[in-house]
Structures are given as structure tokens and as C-alpha cells.
């Protein structure tokens, strides 16, 4: 998975918002519907994916994930924005918008 993860974030034509989460994490379940809203509202400008830290501990360790949920926005394979904790969709959109391609 790690190789596929790195290929995915490097080869994506738009930035990739990664949600590091776990099934036992309450705040992770709170942010999940908010991330769906982000994906719907920014569908052509960002991809949203989830990484289960229990199933992919090496990826979580590589990016220094200490608490979940943690969101990291990758642009051209490199992290450009990072936040921990649950937050509403509009706050996420506001914070990541400067890193996204502008709409035509």
C-alpha cells in the first residue's frame, strides 16, 4: 500500500487531501461526513482519501501522525497543509483553497 500511496499522491493531477483515521476514533467519525462535503464541493479541484492508521502504521509513522484525525494536503507529492482534530467542511475548504487549482 505504501508504494501505491506514494504513487497516488505524486501522480495526482490535483492536490490530495488525506484523512489519517482509525475505526475506534470518535472524532474521526465526526469528520467523515464533513470530508464528504469537501469532496463534493471541490470535486474537480481536490481528491479526498482515507488512510487507516491501524492498517497502514508505516505511512502514519512516515508523516509523524501522533493524533487522529489528522488531515494532510499533498500537492505534487509533498505535504503543503496539515491539521489535527475534527473541523467543519467550510473551515477545511477555507484553509486548503489557497493550495488548490483555481476554477475556470
PDB file of N, CA and C in Angstrom:
ATOM      1  N   UNK A   1       0.824  -1.201   0.000  1.00  0.00           N
ATOM      2  CA  UNK A   1       0.000   0.000   0.000  1.00  0.00           C
ATOM      3  C   UNK A   1       0.863   1.257   0.000  1.00  0.00           C
ATOM      4  N   UNK A   2       2.007   1.230   0.706  1.00  0.00           N
ATOM      5  CA  UNK A   2       2.830   2.441   0.803  1.00  0.00           C
ATOM      6  C   UNK A   2       3.277   2.908  -0.577  1.00  0.00           C
ATOM      7  N   UNK A   3       3.714   1.967  -1.419  1.00  0.00           N
ATOM      8  CA  UNK A   3       4.155   2.357  -2.760  1.00  0.00           C
ATOM      9  C   UNK A   3       2.984   2.941  -3.545  1.00  0.00           C
ATOM     10  N   UNK A   4       1.830   2.291  -3.480  1.00  0.00           N
ATOM     11  CA  UNK A   4       0.648   2.805  -4.176  1.00  0.00           C
ATOM     12  C   UNK A   4       0.254   4.170  -3.631  1.00  0.00           C
ATOM     13  N   UNK A   5       0.342   4.344  -2.311  1.00  0.00           N
ATOM     14  CA  UNK A   5       0.007   5.630  -1.701  1.00  0.00           C
ATOM     15  C   UNK A   5       0.906   6.725  -2.264  1.00  0.00           C
ATOM     16  N   UNK A   6       2.206   6.477  -2.266  1.00  0.00           N
ATOM     17  CA  UNK A   6       3.140   7.491  -2.761  1.00  0.00           C
ATOM     18  C   UNK A   6       2.934   7.774  -4.249  1.00  0.00           C
ATOM     19  N   UNK A   7       2.703   6.736  -5.027  1.00  0.00           N
ATOM     20  CA  UNK A   7       2.435   6.939  -6.454  1.00  0.00           C
ATOM     21  C   UNK A   7       1.168   7.767  -6.627  1.00  0.00           C
ATOM     22  N   UNK A   8       0.157   7.470  -5.843  1.00  0.00           N
ATOM     23  CA  UNK A   8      -1.127   8.171  -5.970  1.00  0.00           C
ATOM     24  C   UNK A   8      -0.965   9.658  -5.675  1.00  0.00           C
ATOM     25  N   UNK A   9      -0.301   9.992  -4.557  1.00  0.00           N
ATOM     26  CA  UNK A   9      -0.193  11.412  -4.205  1.00  0.00           C
ATOM     27  C   UNK A   9       0.769  12.156  -5.135  1.00  0.00           C
ATOM     28  N   UNK A  10       1.735  11.446  -5.723  1.00  0.00           N
ATOM     29  CA  UNK A  10       2.680  12.102  -6.629  1.00  0.00           C
ATOM     30  C   UNK A  10       2.111  12.258  -8.031  1.00  0.00           C
ATOM     31  N   UNK A  11       1.302  11.306  -8.468  1.00  0.00           N
ATOM     32  CA  UNK A  11       0.813  11.317  -9.842  1.00  0.00           C
ATOM     33  C   UNK A  11      -0.534  12.009 -10.003  1.00  0.00           C
ATOM     34  N   UNK A  12      -1.172  12.375  -8.907  1.00  0.00           N
ATOM     35  CA  UNK A  12      -2.474  13.030  -8.988  1.00  0.00           C
ATOM     36  C   UNK A  12      -2.330  14.392  -9.658  1.00  0.00           C
ATOM     37  N   UNK A  13      -3.256  14.692 -10.551  1.00  0.00           N
ATOM     38  CA  UNK A  13      -3.228  15.972 -11.252  1.00  0.00           C
ATOM     39  C   UNK A  13      -3.750  17.112 -10.381  1.00  0.00           C
ATOM     40  N   UNK A  14      -4.435  16.776  -9.309  1.00  0.00           N
ATOM     41  CA  UNK A  14      -4.921  17.779  -8.352  1.00  0.00           C
ATOM     42  C   UNK A  14      -4.392  17.408  -6.966  1.00  0.00           C
ATOM     43  N   UNK A  15      -4.367  18.356  -6.032  1.00  0.00           N
ATOM     44  CA  UNK A  15      -3.926  18.029  -4.678  1.00  0.00           C
ATOM     45  C   UNK A  15      -4.767  16.911  -4.059  1.00  0.00           C
ATOM     46  N   UNK A  16      -4.164  16.181  -3.129  1.00  0.00           N
ATOM     47  CA  UNK A  16      -4.826  15.057  -2.469  1.00  0.00           C
ATOM     48  C   UNK A  16      -4.917  15.360  -0.972  1.00  0.00           C
ATOM     49  N   UNK A  17      -6.142  15.375  -0.444  1.00  0.00           N
ATOM     50  CA  UNK A  17      -6.370  15.567   0.979  1.00  0.00           C
ATOM     51  C   UNK A  17      -6.477  14.194   1.618  1.00  0.00           C
ATOM     52  N   UNK A  18      -5.546  13.893   2.519  1.00  0.00           N
ATOM     53  CA  UNK A  18      -5.507  12.577   3.152  1.00  0.00           C
ATOM     54  C   UNK A  18      -6.010  12.689   4.584  1.00  0.00           C
ATOM     55  N   UNK A  19      -6.981  11.848   4.898  1.00  0.00           N
ATOM     56  CA  UNK A  19      -7.544  11.757   6.247  1.00  0.00           C
ATOM     57  C   UNK A  19      -6.917  10.545   6.921  1.00  0.00           C
ATOM     58  N   UNK A  20      -6.042  10.777   7.899  1.00  0.00           N
ATOM     59  CA  UNK A  20      -5.481   9.695   8.701  1.00  0.00           C
ATOM     60  C   UNK A  20      -6.446   9.454   9.850  1.00  0.00           C
ATOM     61  N   UNK A  21      -6.984   8.231   9.933  1.00  0.00           N
ATOM     62  CA  UNK A  21      -8.067   7.922  10.853  1.00  0.00           C
ATOM     63  C   UNK A  21      -7.957   6.494  11.371  1.00  0.00           C
ATOM     64  N   UNK A  22      -8.853   6.107  12.271  1.00  0.00           N
ATOM     65  CA  UNK A  22      -8.988   4.728  12.747  1.00  0.00           C
ATOM     66  C   UNK A  22     -10.457   4.487  13.098  1.00  0.00           C
ATOM     67  N   UNK A  23     -10.912   3.238  12.961  1.00  0.00           N
ATOM     68  CA  UNK A  23     -12.327   2.938  13.205  1.00  0.00           C
ATOM     69  C   UNK A  23     -12.771   3.210  14.650  1.00  0.00           C
ATOM     70  N   UNK A  24     -11.865   3.137  15.609  1.00  0.00           N
ATOM     71  CA  UNK A  24     -12.212   3.318  17.017  1.00  0.00           C
ATOM     72  C   UNK A  24     -12.212   4.782  17.441  1.00  0.00           C
ATOM     73  N   UNK A  25     -11.881   5.691  16.538  1.00  0.00           N
ATOM     74  CA  UNK A  25     -11.710   7.110  16.857  1.00  0.00           C
ATOM     75  C   UNK A  25     -13.025   7.870  16.682  1.00  0.00           C
ATOM     76  N   UNK A  26     -13.588   8.374  17.783  1.00  0.00           N
ATOM     77  CA  UNK A  26     -14.846   9.127  17.726  1.00  0.00           C
ATOM     78  C   UNK A  26     -14.771  10.365  16.844  1.00  0.00           C
ATOM     79  N   UNK A  27     -13.779  11.250  17.050  1.00  0.00           N
ATOM     80  CA  UNK A  27     -13.677  12.434  16.201  1.00  0.00           C
ATOM     81  C   UNK A  27     -13.494  12.097  14.716  1.00  0.00           C
ATOM     82  N   UNK A  28     -12.895  10.947  14.426  1.00  0.00           N
ATOM     83  CA  UNK A  28     -12.726  10.524  13.023  1.00  0.00           C
ATOM     84  C   UNK A  28     -14.095  10.294  12.383  1.00  0.00           C
ATOM     85  N   UNK A  29     -15.021   9.732  13.158  1.00  0.00           N
ATOM     86  CA  UNK A  29     -16.371   9.512  12.639  1.00  0.00           C
ATOM     87  C   UNK A  29     -17.116  10.835  12.489  1.00  0.00           C
ATOM     88  N   UNK A  30     -16.786  11.817  13.348  1.00  0.00           N
ATOM     89  CA  UNK A  30     -17.434  13.133  13.255  1.00  0.00           C
ATOM     90  C   UNK A  30     -16.975  13.881  11.998  1.00  0.00           C
ATOM     91  N   UNK A  31     -15.715  13.716  11.615  1.00  0.00           N
ATOM     92  CA  UNK A  31     -15.194  14.472  10.480  1.00  0.00           C
ATOM     93  C   UNK A  31     -15.522  13.800   9.138  1.00  0.00           C
ATOM     94  N   UNK A  32     -15.841  12.518   9.159  1.00  0.00           N
ATOM     95  CA  UNK A  32     -16.109  11.791   7.911  1.00  0.00           C
ATOM     96  C   UNK A  32     -17.177  12.458   7.040  1.00  0.00           C
ATOM     97  N   UNK A  33     -18.362  12.835   7.584  1.00  0.00           N
ATOM     98  CA  UNK A  33     -19.351  13.486   6.720  1.00  0.00           C
ATOM     99  C   UNK A  33     -18.891  14.867   6.245  1.00  0.00           C
ATOM    100  N   UNK A  34     -18.068  15.528   7.047  1.00  0.00           N
ATOM    101  CA  UNK A  34     -17.536  16.829   6.638  1.00  0.00           C
ATOM    102  C   UNK A  34     -16.599  16.667   5.445  1.00  0.00           C
ATOM    103  N   UNK A  35     -15.804  15.602   5.459  1.00  0.00           N
ATOM    104  CA  UNK A  35     -14.895  15.342   4.339  1.00  0.00           C
ATOM    105  C   UNK A  35     -15.665  14.979   3.072  1.00  0.00           C
ATOM    106  N   UNK A  36     -16.816  14.325   3.240  1.00  0.00           N
ATOM    107  CA  UNK A  36     -17.662  14.045   2.068  1.00  0.00           C
ATOM    108  C   UNK A  36     -18.145  15.346   1.454  1.00  0.00           C
ATOM    109  N   UNK A  37     -18.494  16.313   2.294  1.00  0.00           N
ATOM    110  CA  UNK A  37     -18.932  17.621   1.796  1.00  0.00           C
ATOM    111  C   UNK A  37     -17.783  18.312   1.054  1.00  0.00           C
ATOM    112  N   UNK A  38     -16.584  18.230   1.619  1.00  0.00           N
ATOM    113  CA  UNK A  38     -15.412  18.829   0.967  1.00  0.00           C
ATOM    114  C   UNK A  38     -15.223  18.203  -0.407  1.00  0.00           C
ATOM    115  N   UNK A  39     -15.267  16.863  -0.466  1.00  0.00           N
ATOM    116  CA  UNK A  39     -15.068  16.156  -1.733  1.00  0.00           C
ATOM    117  C   UNK A  39     -16.134  16.551  -2.755  1.00  0.00           C
ATOM    118  N   UNK A  40     -17.390  16.699  -2.309  1.00  0.00           N
ATOM    119  CA  UNK A  40     -18.467  17.073  -3.224  1.00  0.00           C
ATOM    120  C   UNK A  40     -18.311  18.509  -3.715  1.00  0.00           C
ATOM    121  N   UNK A  41     -17.977  19.419  -2.815  1.00  0.00           N
ATOM    122  CA  UNK A  41     -17.892  20.835  -3.190  1.00  0.00           C
ATOM    123  C   UNK A  41     -16.661  21.146  -4.030  1.00  0.00           C
ATOM    124  N   UNK A  42     -15.594  20.395  -3.820  1.00  0.00           N
ATOM    125  CA  UNK A  42     -14.331  20.664  -4.528  1.00  0.00           C
ATOM    126  C   UNK A  42     -13.967  19.524  -5.473  1.00  0.00           C
ATOM    127  N   UNK A  43     -14.967  18.855  -6.012  1.00  0.00           N
ATOM    128  CA  UNK A  43     -14.747  17.590  -6.726  1.00  0.00           C
ATOM    129  C   UNK A  43     -13.716  17.625  -7.845  1.00  0.00           C
ATOM    130  N   UNK A  44     -13.578  18.724  -8.556  1.00  0.00           N
ATOM    131  CA  UNK A  44     -12.600  18.784  -9.644  1.00  0.00           C
ATOM    132  C   UNK A  44     -11.269  19.391  -9.214  1.00  0.00           C
ATOM    133  N   UNK A  45     -11.199  19.843  -7.948  1.00  0.00           N
ATOM    134  CA  UNK A  45     -10.004  20.561  -7.501  1.00  0.00           C
ATOM    135  C   UNK A  45      -9.182  19.818  -6.468  1.00  0.00           C
ATOM    136  N   UNK A  46      -9.749  18.775  -5.865  1.00  0.00           N
ATOM    137  CA  UNK A  46      -9.030  18.014  -4.839  1.00  0.00           C
ATOM    138  C   UNK A  46      -9.581  16.588  -4.799  1.00  0.00           C
ATOM    139  N   UNK A  47      -8.721  15.641  -4.451  1.00  0.00           N
ATOM    140  CA  UNK A  47      -9.149  14.267  -4.189  1.00  0.00           C
ATOM    141  C   UNK A  47      -9.037  14.049  -2.684  1.00  0.00           C
ATOM    142  N   UNK A  48     -10.023  13.364  -2.117  1.00  0.00           N
ATOM    143  CA  UNK A  48     -10.015  13.066  -0.689  1.00  0.00           C
ATOM    144  C   UNK A  48      -9.891  11.559  -0.520  1.00  0.00           C
ATOM    145  N   UNK A  49      -8.874  11.138   0.237  1.00  0.00           N
ATOM    146  CA  UNK A  49      -8.694   9.711   0.512  1.00  0.00           C
ATOM    147  C   UNK A  49      -8.505   9.513   2.009  1.00  0.00           C
ATOM    148  N   UNK A  50      -8.696   8.265   2.449  1.00  0.00           N
ATOM    149  CA  UNK A  50      -8.556   7.935   3.857  1.00  0.00           C
ATOM    150  C   UNK A  50      -7.446   6.903   4.020  1.00  0.00           C
ATOM    151  N   UNK A  51      -6.655   7.066   5.085  1.00  0.00           N
ATOM    152  CA  UNK A  51      -5.631   6.086   5.435  1.00  0.00           C
ATOM    153  C   UNK A  51      -5.901   5.638   6.872  1.00  0.00           C
ATOM    154  N   UNK A  52      -6.223   4.362   7.031  1.00  0.00           N
ATOM    155  CA  UNK A  52      -6.466   3.781   8.346  1.00  0.00           C
ATOM    156  C   UNK A  52      -5.109   3.564   9.015  1.00  0.00           C
ATOM    157  N   UNK A  53      -4.851   4.286  10.111  1.00  0.00           N
ATOM    158  CA  UNK A  53      -3.529   4.216  10.754  1.00  0.00           C
ATOM    159  C   UNK A  53      -3.263   2.852  11.382  1.00  0.00           C
ATOM    160  N   UNK A  54      -4.314   2.094  11.702  1.00  0.00           N
ATOM    161  CA  UNK A  54      -4.119   0.745  12.246  1.00  0.00           C
ATOM    162  C   UNK A  54      -3.677  -0.225  11.154  1.00  0.00           C
ATOM    163  N   UNK A  55      -4.190  -0.032   9.937  1.00  0.00           N
ATOM    164  CA  UNK A  55      -3.847  -0.919   8.822  1.00  0.00           C
ATOM    165  C   UNK A  55      -2.585  -0.472   8.092  1.00  0.00           C
ATOM    166  N   UNK A  56      -2.242   0.813   8.190  1.00  0.00           N
ATOM    167  CA  UNK A  56      -1.076   1.365   7.485  1.00  0.00           C
ATOM    168  C   UNK A  56      -0.187   2.150   8.461  1.00  0.00           C
ATOM    169  N   UNK A  57       0.307   1.490   9.514  1.00  0.00           N
ATOM    170  CA  UNK A  57       1.081   2.232  10.521  1.00  0.00           C
ATOM    171  C   UNK A  57       2.370   2.838   9.969  1.00  0.00           C
ATOM    172  N   UNK A  58       2.957   2.214   8.961  1.00  0.00           N
ATOM    173  CA  UNK A  58       4.210   2.736   8.393  1.00  0.00           C
ATOM    174  C   UNK A  58       3.985   4.071   7.686  1.00  0.00           C
ATOM    175  N   UNK A  59       2.827   4.240   7.038  1.00  0.00           N
ATOM    176  CA  UNK A  59       2.525   5.517   6.376  1.00  0.00           C
ATOM    177  C   UNK A  59       2.277   6.587   7.443  1.00  0.00           C
ATOM    178  N   UNK A  60       1.524   6.224   8.479  1.00  0.00           N
ATOM    179  CA  UNK A  60       1.273   7.165   9.569  1.00  0.00           C
ATOM    180  C   UNK A  60       2.585   7.580  10.227  1.00  0.00           C
ATOM    181  N   UNK A  61       3.478   6.633  10.457  1.00  0.00           N
ATOM    182  CA  UNK A  61       4.763   6.939  11.087  1.00  0.00           C
ATOM    183  C   UNK A  61       5.612   7.839  10.188  1.00  0.00           C
ATOM    184  N   UNK A  62       5.587   7.584   8.899  1.00  0.00           N
ATOM    185  CA  UNK A  62       6.378   8.388   7.955  1.00  0.00           C
ATOM    186  C   UNK A  62       6.012   9.865   8.032  1.00  0.00           C
ATOM    187  N   UNK A  63       4.740  10.152   8.263  1.00  0.00           N
ATOM    188  CA  UNK A  63       4.282  11.533   8.300  1.00  0.00           C
ATOM    189  C   UNK A  63       4.091  12.050   9.729  1.00  0.00           C
ATOM    190  N   UNK A  64       4.599  11.302  10.708  1.00  0.00           N
ATOM    191  CA  UNK A  64       4.587  11.765  12.090  1.00  0.00           C
ATOM    192  C   UNK A  64       3.203  11.951  12.673  1.00  0.00           C
ATOM    193  N   UNK A  65       2.287  11.066  12.313  1.00  0.00           N
ATOM    194  CA  UNK A  65       0.920  11.171  12.829  1.00  0.00           C
ATOM    195  C   UNK A  65       0.920  10.764  14.294  1.00  0.00           C
ATOM    196  N   UNK A  66       0.591  11.702  15.169  1.00  0.00           N
ATOM    197  CA  UNK A  66       0.571  11.450  16.606  1.00  0.00           C
ATOM    198  C   UNK A  66      -0.851  11.409  17.159  1.00  0.00           C
ATOM    199  N   UNK A  67      -1.763  12.099  16.507  1.00  0.00           N
ATOM    200  CA  UNK A  67      -3.162  12.119  16.919  1.00  0.00           C
ATOM    201  C   UNK A  67      -4.043  12.037  15.687  1.00  0.00           C
ATOM    202  N   UNK A  68      -5.230  11.505  15.880  1.00  0.00           N
ATOM    203  CA  UNK A  68      -6.156  11.388  14.762  1.00  0.00           C
ATOM    204  C   UNK A  68      -7.498  11.974  15.171  1.00  0.00           C
ATOM    205  N   UNK A  69      -8.267  12.478  14.230  1.00  0.00           N
ATOM    206  CA  UNK A  69      -7.927  12.552  12.816  1.00  0.00           C
ATOM    207  C   UNK A  69      -6.872  13.628  12.541  1.00  0.00           C
ATOM    208  N   UNK A  70      -6.011  13.329  11.588  1.00  0.00           N
ATOM    209  CA  UNK A  70      -5.080  14.324  11.062  1.00  0.00           C
ATOM    210  C   UNK A  70      -5.304  14.391   9.565  1.00  0.00           C
ATOM    211  N   UNK A  71      -5.422  15.607   9.059  1.00  0.00           N
ATOM    212  CA  UNK A  71      -5.583  15.833   7.628  1.00  0.00           C
ATOM    213  C   UNK A  71      -4.285  16.420   7.091  1.00  0.00           C
ATOM    214  N   UNK A  72      -3.818  15.876   5.976  1.00  0.00           N
ATOM    215  CA  UNK A  72      -2.651  16.436   5.294  1.00  0.00           C
ATOM    216  C   UNK A  72      -3.018  16.616   3.828  1.00  0.00           C
ATOM    217  N   UNK A  73      -2.747  17.805   3.315  1.00  0.00           N
ATOM    218  CA  UNK A  73      -2.960  18.083   1.896  1.00  0.00           C
ATOM    219  C   UNK A  73      -1.624  17.958   1.178  1.00  0.00           C
ATOM    220  N   UNK A  74      -1.597  17.092   0.169  1.00  0.00           N
ATOM    221  CA  UNK A  74      -0.397  16.878  -0.631  1.00  0.00           C
ATOM    222  C   UNK A  74      -0.578  17.532  -1.990  1.00  0.00           C
ATOM    223  N   UNK A  75       0.435  18.255  -2.413  1.00  0.00           N
ATOM    224  CA  UNK A  75       0.431  18.867  -3.742  1.00  0.00           C
ATOM    225  C   UNK A  75       1.733  18.442  -4.408  1.00  0.00           C
ATOM    226  N   UNK A  76       1.628  17.834  -5.575  1.00  0.00           N
ATOM    227  CA  UNK A  76       2.797  17.300  -6.280  1.00  0.00           C
ATOM    228  C   UNK A  76       3.591  16.356  -5.384  1.00  0.00           C
ATOM    229  N   UNK A  77       2.884  15.596  -4.554  1.00  0.00           N
ATOM    230  CA  UNK A  77       3.513  14.588  -3.706  1.00  0.00           C
ATOM    231  C   UNK A  77       4.079  15.102  -2.399  1.00  0.00           C
ATOM    232  N   UNK A  78       4.045  16.408  -2.173  1.00  0.00           N
ATOM    233  CA  UNK A  78       4.624  16.976  -0.952  1.00  0.00           C
ATOM    234  C   UNK A  78       3.523  17.556  -0.057  1.00  0.00           C
ATOM    235  N   UNK A  79       3.664  17.395   1.268  1.00  0.00           N
ATOM    236  CA  UNK A  79       2.673  17.983   2.170  1.00  0.00           C
ATOM    237  C   UNK A  79       2.769  19.510   2.175  1.00  0.00           C
ATOM    238  N   UNK A  80       1.622  20.174   2.013  1.00  0.00           N
ATOM    239  CA  UNK A  80       1.606  21.642   1.984  1.00  0.00           C
ATOM    240  C   UNK A  80       0.702  22.230   3.070  1.00  0.00           C
ATOM    241  N   UNK A  81      -0.128  21.398   3.705  1.00  0.00           N
ATOM    242  CA  UNK A  81      -1.050  21.863   4.742  1.00  0.00           C
ATOM    243  C   UNK A  81      -1.358  20.689   5.640  1.00  0.00           C
ATOM    244  N   UNK A  82      -1.520  20.956   6.947  1.00  0.00           N
ATOM    245  CA  UNK A  82      -1.766  19.876   7.902  1.00  0.00           C
ATOM    246  C   UNK A  82      -2.547  20.418   9.090  1.00  0.00           C
ATOM    247  N   UNK A  83      -3.549  19.650   9.524  1.00  0.00           N
ATOM    248  CA  UNK A  83      -4.317  19.986  10.733  1.00  0.00           C
ATOM    249  C   UNK A  83      -4.746  18.690  11.421  1.00  0.00           C
ATOM    250  N   UNK A  84      -4.828  18.760  12.746  1.00  0.00           N
ATOM    251  CA  UNK A  84      -5.336  17.634  13.529  1.00  0.00           C
ATOM    252  C   UNK A  84      -6.652  18.025  14.174  1.00  0.00           C
ATOM    253  N   UNK A  85      -7.509  17.029  14.357  1.00  0.00           N
ATOM    254  CA  UNK A  85      -8.792  17.253  15.010  1.00  0.00           C
ATOM    255  C   UNK A  85      -9.916  17.431  14.007  1.00  0.00           C
ATOM    256  N   UNK A  86     -11.128  17.235  14.509  1.00  0.00           N
ATOM    257  CA  UNK A  86     -12.317  17.381  13.667  1.00  0.00           C
ATOM    258  C   UNK A  86     -12.601  18.857  13.439  1.00  0.00           C
ATOM    259  N   UNK A  87     -13.036  19.186  12.241  1.00  0.00           N
ATOM    260  CA  UNK A  87     -13.408  20.557  11.900  1.00  0.00           C
ATOM    261  C   UNK A  87     -14.486  20.520  10.834  1.00  0.00           C
ATOM    262  N   UNK A  88     -15.295  21.584  10.746  1.00  0.00           N
ATOM    263  CA  UNK A  88     -16.368  21.604   9.746  1.00  0.00           C
ATOM    264  C   UNK A  88     -15.824  21.752   8.328  1.00  0.00           C
ATOM    265  N   UNK A  89     -16.607  21.283   7.382  1.00  0.00           N
ATOM    266  CA  UNK A  89     -16.221  21.297   5.966  1.00  0.00           C
ATOM    267  C   UNK A  89     -15.817  22.686   5.502  1.00  0.00           C
ATOM    268  N   UNK A  90     -16.590  23.706   5.881  1.00  0.00           N
ATOM    269  CA  UNK A  90     -16.294  25.057   5.402  1.00  0.00           C
ATOM    270  C   UNK A  90     -14.935  25.551   5.889  1.00  0.00           C
ATOM    271  N   UNK A  91     -14.534  25.161   7.097  1.00  0.00           N
ATOM    272  CA  UNK A  91     -13.227  25.552   7.612  1.00  0.00           C
ATOM    273  C   UNK A  91     -12.116  24.847   6.829  1.00  0.00           C
ATOM    274  N   UNK A  92     -12.320  23.573   6.544  1.00  0.00           N
ATOM    275  CA  UNK A  92     -11.337  22.823   5.752  1.00  0.00           C
ATOM    276  C   UNK A  92     -11.195  23.468   4.376  1.00  0.00           C
ATOM    277  N   UNK A  93     -12.321  23.741   3.733  1.00  0.00           N
ATOM    278  CA  UNK A  93     -12.300  24.337   2.393  1.00  0.00           C
ATOM    279  C   UNK A  93     -11.587  25.684   2.417  1.00  0.00           C
ATOM    280  N   UNK A  94     -11.900  26.491   3.406  1.00  0.00           N
ATOM    281  CA  UNK A  94     -11.272  27.813   3.516  1.00  0.00           C
ATOM    282  C   UNK A  94      -9.756  27.686   3.673  1.00  0.00           C
ATOM    283  N   UNK A  95      -9.311  26.738   4.482  1.00  0.00           N
ATOM    284  CA  UNK A  95      -7.882  26.606   4.751  1.00  0.00           C
ATOM    285  C   UNK A  95      -7.101  25.985   3.594  1.00  0.00           C
ATOM    286  N   UNK A  96      -7.723  25.059   2.851  1.00  0.00           N
ATOM    287  CA  UNK A  96      -6.961  24.406   1.773  1.00  0.00           C
ATOM    288  C   UNK A  96      -7.094  25.110   0.429  1.00  0.00           C
ATOM    289  N   UNK A  97      -8.090  25.978   0.289  1.00  0.00           N
ATOM    290  CA  UNK A  97      -8.329  26.635  -1.012  1.00  0.00           C
ATOM    291  C   UNK A  97      -7.109  27.311  -1.620  1.00  0.00           C
ATOM    292  N   UNK A  98      -6.248  27.982  -0.836  1.00  0.00           N
ATOM    293  CA  UNK A  98      -5.078  28.631  -1.454  1.00  0.00           C
ATOM    294  C   UNK A  98      -4.138  27.656  -2.161  1.00  0.00           C
ATOM    295  N   UNK A  99      -4.221  26.365  -1.824  1.00  0.00           N
ATOM    296  CA  UNK A  99      -3.334  25.364  -2.405  1.00  0.00           C
ATOM    297  C   UNK A  99      -3.945  24.643  -3.601  1.00  0.00           C
ATOM    298  N   UNK A 100      -5.201  24.941  -3.893  1.00  0.00           N
ATOM    299  CA  UNK A 100      -5.921  24.217  -4.949  1.00  0.00           C
ATOM    300  C   UNK A 100      -5.891  24.984  -6.256  1.00  0.00           C
ATOM    301  N   UNK A 101      -6.021  24.254  -7.381  1.00  0.00           N
ATOM    302  CA  UNK A 101      -6.125  24.952  -8.671  1.00  0.00           C
ATOM    303  C   UNK A 101      -7.391  25.798  -8.690  1.00  0.00           C
ATOM    304  N   UNK A 102      -7.308  26.944  -9.285  1.00  0.00           N
ATOM    305  CA  UNK A 102      -8.473  27.831  -9.368  1.00  0.00           C
ATOM    306  C   UNK A 102      -9.448  27.315 -10.410  1.00  0.00           C
ATOM    307  N   UNK A 103     -10.714  27.572 -10.197  1.00  0.00           N
ATOM    308  CA  UNK A 103     -11.722  27.140 -11.164  1.00  0.00           C
ATOM    309  C   UNK A 103     -11.755  28.122 -12.326  1.00  0.00           C
ATOM    310  N   UNK A 104     -12.113  27.592 -13.475  1.00  0.00           N
ATOM    311  CA  UNK A 104     -12.151  28.430 -14.698  1.00  0.00           C
ATOM    312  C   UNK A 104     -13.378  29.299 -14.714  1.00  0.00           C
TER     313      UNK A 104
END
